[in-house]
């Protein structure tokens, strides 16, 4: 998990699909921002620059990721 620059709003999300284990915690925390692909169940970033209104959910998704595949900058 990486949370760079703890600003009050989420700025940019990136995901390392090679590290993703398909746990789906990101989707549970922020379903408007994350999904999982049909084939492998790996993370898909739906909104790479989510609005400030979703920043708490995005930060929770980054914290909850068991593989550390998500980065918030």
N, C-alpha and C. Protein backbone atom coordinates (compact mmCIF):
# COMPACT_ATOMS: atom_id res chain seq x y z
N UNK A 1 0.85 -1.18 0.00
CA UNK A 1 0.00 0.00 0.00
C UNK A 1 0.88 1.23 0.00
N UNK A 2 0.55 2.17 -0.85
CA UNK A 2 1.27 3.43 -0.87
C UNK A 2 0.26 4.56 -0.90
N UNK A 3 0.37 5.47 0.03
CA UNK A 3 -0.45 6.67 0.04
C UNK A 3 0.52 7.84 0.10
N UNK A 4 0.80 8.42 -1.06
CA UNK A 4 1.76 9.52 -1.13
C UNK A 4 1.04 10.85 -0.97
N UNK A 5 1.61 11.74 -0.20
CA UNK A 5 1.05 13.08 -0.03
C UNK A 5 -0.36 13.06 0.52
N UNK A 6 -0.55 12.85 1.74
CA UNK A 6 -1.87 12.70 2.35
C UNK A 6 -2.72 13.95 2.22
N UNK A 7 -3.08 14.29 1.02
CA UNK A 7 -3.95 15.43 0.76
C UNK A 7 -5.37 15.07 1.14
N UNK A 8 -6.23 16.05 1.21
CA UNK A 8 -7.60 15.80 1.63
C UNK A 8 -8.43 15.16 0.53
N UNK A 9 -7.90 15.06 -0.66
CA UNK A 9 -8.66 14.44 -1.74
C UNK A 9 -7.79 13.47 -2.52
N UNK A 10 -8.44 12.46 -3.09
CA UNK A 10 -7.73 11.51 -3.94
C UNK A 10 -7.36 12.21 -5.23
N UNK A 11 -6.16 12.02 -5.68
CA UNK A 11 -5.72 12.68 -6.90
C UNK A 11 -5.62 11.70 -8.05
N UNK A 12 -4.71 10.76 -7.97
CA UNK A 12 -4.51 9.82 -9.07
C UNK A 12 -4.30 8.42 -8.50
N UNK A 13 -4.98 7.46 -9.09
CA UNK A 13 -4.90 6.08 -8.67
C UNK A 13 -4.18 5.28 -9.74
N UNK A 14 -3.29 4.39 -9.32
CA UNK A 14 -2.71 3.45 -10.26
C UNK A 14 -2.73 2.07 -9.60
N UNK A 15 -2.73 1.05 -10.44
CA UNK A 15 -2.78 -0.33 -9.96
C UNK A 15 -1.74 -1.17 -10.69
N UNK A 16 -1.02 -1.96 -9.95
CA UNK A 16 -0.09 -2.93 -10.52
C UNK A 16 -0.81 -4.26 -10.62
N UNK A 17 -1.34 -4.55 -11.80
CA UNK A 17 -2.10 -5.78 -11.97
C UNK A 17 -1.24 -7.02 -11.73
N UNK A 18 0.05 -6.92 -11.93
CA UNK A 18 0.94 -8.04 -11.67
C UNK A 18 1.04 -8.40 -10.20
N UNK A 19 0.75 -7.46 -9.33
CA UNK A 19 0.77 -7.69 -7.87
C UNK A 19 -0.60 -8.07 -7.34
N UNK A 20 -1.65 -7.75 -8.06
CA UNK A 20 -3.03 -7.98 -7.61
C UNK A 20 -3.28 -9.48 -7.41
N UNK A 21 -3.97 -9.80 -6.31
CA UNK A 21 -4.32 -11.19 -6.02
C UNK A 21 -5.83 -11.44 -6.18
N UNK A 22 -6.56 -10.43 -6.61
CA UNK A 22 -7.98 -10.60 -6.88
C UNK A 22 -8.87 -10.70 -5.65
N UNK A 23 -8.44 -10.14 -4.54
CA UNK A 23 -9.23 -10.22 -3.30
C UNK A 23 -10.51 -9.40 -3.38
N UNK A 24 -10.52 -8.34 -4.19
CA UNK A 24 -11.73 -7.54 -4.38
C UNK A 24 -12.02 -6.53 -3.29
N UNK A 25 -11.10 -6.32 -2.36
CA UNK A 25 -11.33 -5.36 -1.28
C UNK A 25 -11.49 -3.94 -1.82
N UNK A 26 -10.79 -3.64 -2.89
CA UNK A 26 -10.90 -2.31 -3.50
C UNK A 26 -12.30 -2.07 -4.05
N UNK A 27 -12.87 -3.10 -4.66
CA UNK A 27 -14.22 -2.98 -5.22
C UNK A 27 -15.24 -2.81 -4.11
N UNK A 28 -15.06 -3.51 -3.02
CA UNK A 28 -15.97 -3.37 -1.88
C UNK A 28 -15.89 -1.96 -1.28
N UNK A 29 -14.69 -1.41 -1.20
CA UNK A 29 -14.50 -0.10 -0.58
C UNK A 29 -14.91 1.05 -1.50
N UNK A 30 -14.66 0.91 -2.80
CA UNK A 30 -14.91 2.02 -3.74
C UNK A 30 -15.38 1.47 -5.09
N UNK A 31 -16.61 0.98 -5.17
CA UNK A 31 -17.09 0.35 -6.40
C UNK A 31 -17.22 1.30 -7.59
N UNK A 32 -17.28 2.59 -7.36
CA UNK A 32 -17.34 3.54 -8.47
C UNK A 32 -15.95 3.78 -9.07
N UNK A 33 -14.92 3.35 -8.37
CA UNK A 33 -13.55 3.61 -8.81
C UNK A 33 -12.85 2.33 -9.29
N UNK A 34 -13.20 1.18 -8.69
CA UNK A 34 -12.54 -0.08 -9.01
C UNK A 34 -13.53 -1.15 -9.45
N UNK A 35 -13.03 -2.07 -10.25
CA UNK A 35 -13.76 -3.27 -10.64
C UNK A 35 -12.73 -4.38 -10.80
N UNK A 36 -13.22 -5.57 -11.12
CA UNK A 36 -12.34 -6.70 -11.40
C UNK A 36 -12.65 -7.22 -12.79
N UNK A 37 -11.60 -7.66 -13.51
CA UNK A 37 -11.84 -8.17 -14.85
C UNK A 37 -12.51 -9.54 -14.80
N UNK A 38 -13.16 -9.89 -15.88
CA UNK A 38 -13.93 -11.13 -15.97
C UNK A 38 -13.03 -12.36 -16.01
N UNK A 39 -11.88 -12.26 -16.63
CA UNK A 39 -11.03 -13.44 -16.84
C UNK A 39 -10.26 -13.87 -15.60
N UNK A 40 -9.53 -12.95 -15.00
CA UNK A 40 -8.65 -13.30 -13.89
C UNK A 40 -9.09 -12.74 -12.55
N UNK A 41 -10.07 -11.84 -12.56
CA UNK A 41 -10.52 -11.21 -11.33
C UNK A 41 -9.57 -10.15 -10.81
N UNK A 42 -8.68 -9.67 -11.68
CA UNK A 42 -7.71 -8.67 -11.26
C UNK A 42 -8.30 -7.26 -11.32
N UNK A 43 -7.71 -6.37 -10.56
CA UNK A 43 -8.20 -5.01 -10.43
C UNK A 43 -8.25 -4.27 -11.77
N UNK A 44 -9.29 -3.50 -11.93
CA UNK A 44 -9.44 -2.54 -13.02
C UNK A 44 -9.73 -1.20 -12.39
N UNK A 45 -9.02 -0.18 -12.79
CA UNK A 45 -9.28 1.17 -12.30
C UNK A 45 -10.27 1.82 -13.25
N UNK A 46 -11.47 2.10 -12.75
CA UNK A 46 -12.53 2.70 -13.55
C UNK A 46 -12.39 4.22 -13.64
N UNK A 47 -11.86 4.82 -12.60
CA UNK A 47 -11.71 6.27 -12.54
C UNK A 47 -10.35 6.59 -11.93
N UNK A 48 -9.37 6.84 -12.76
CA UNK A 48 -8.01 7.07 -12.31
C UNK A 48 -7.80 8.38 -11.57
N UNK A 49 -8.75 9.31 -11.72
CA UNK A 49 -8.69 10.59 -11.02
C UNK A 49 -10.06 10.87 -10.41
N UNK A 50 -10.40 10.15 -9.35
CA UNK A 50 -11.74 10.29 -8.76
C UNK A 50 -11.93 11.66 -8.09
N UNK A 51 -13.17 12.10 -8.01
CA UNK A 51 -13.45 13.38 -7.36
C UNK A 51 -13.20 13.31 -5.85
N UNK A 52 -13.06 14.47 -5.26
CA UNK A 52 -12.79 14.57 -3.82
C UNK A 52 -13.87 13.87 -2.99
N UNK A 53 -15.07 13.80 -3.48
CA UNK A 53 -16.15 13.16 -2.74
C UNK A 53 -15.91 11.66 -2.53
N UNK A 54 -15.01 11.08 -3.29
CA UNK A 54 -14.70 9.65 -3.16
C UNK A 54 -13.35 9.41 -2.48
N UNK A 55 -12.71 10.45 -2.00
CA UNK A 55 -11.35 10.30 -1.47
C UNK A 55 -11.28 9.37 -0.25
N UNK A 56 -12.25 9.42 0.64
CA UNK A 56 -12.22 8.53 1.81
C UNK A 56 -12.33 7.07 1.37
N UNK A 57 -13.23 6.78 0.45
CA UNK A 57 -13.40 5.41 -0.03
C UNK A 57 -12.16 4.93 -0.77
N UNK A 58 -11.54 5.81 -1.55
CA UNK A 58 -10.33 5.44 -2.28
C UNK A 58 -9.19 5.15 -1.32
N UNK A 59 -9.01 5.98 -0.31
CA UNK A 59 -7.96 5.73 0.67
C UNK A 59 -8.20 4.42 1.41
N UNK A 60 -9.44 4.12 1.71
CA UNK A 60 -9.77 2.85 2.36
C UNK A 60 -9.45 1.68 1.44
N UNK A 61 -9.74 1.81 0.17
CA UNK A 61 -9.42 0.75 -0.80
C UNK A 61 -7.92 0.50 -0.87
N UNK A 62 -7.14 1.56 -0.88
CA UNK A 62 -5.68 1.43 -0.92
C UNK A 62 -5.19 0.73 0.36
N UNK A 63 -5.71 1.13 1.49
CA UNK A 63 -5.31 0.50 2.77
C UNK A 63 -5.72 -0.96 2.83
N UNK A 64 -6.87 -1.30 2.28
CA UNK A 64 -7.42 -2.66 2.38
C UNK A 64 -6.80 -3.64 1.39
N UNK A 65 -6.08 -3.16 0.41
CA UNK A 65 -5.51 -4.04 -0.60
C UNK A 65 -4.45 -4.96 0.03
N UNK A 66 -4.69 -6.27 0.06
CA UNK A 66 -3.75 -7.17 0.74
C UNK A 66 -2.42 -7.34 0.01
N UNK A 67 -2.38 -7.04 -1.28
CA UNK A 67 -1.14 -7.24 -2.03
C UNK A 67 -0.35 -5.95 -2.23
N UNK A 68 -0.93 -4.81 -1.85
CA UNK A 68 -0.26 -3.53 -2.04
C UNK A 68 -0.19 -3.12 -3.50
N UNK A 69 -1.16 -3.54 -4.28
CA UNK A 69 -1.15 -3.27 -5.72
C UNK A 69 -1.62 -1.86 -6.08
N UNK A 70 -2.20 -1.14 -5.14
CA UNK A 70 -2.77 0.17 -5.43
C UNK A 70 -1.88 1.29 -4.93
N UNK A 71 -1.79 2.34 -5.70
CA UNK A 71 -1.03 3.53 -5.33
C UNK A 71 -1.91 4.75 -5.50
N UNK A 72 -1.88 5.63 -4.51
CA UNK A 72 -2.61 6.89 -4.55
C UNK A 72 -1.58 8.00 -4.50
N UNK A 73 -1.59 8.86 -5.51
CA UNK A 73 -0.63 9.99 -5.56
C UNK A 73 -1.38 11.29 -5.59
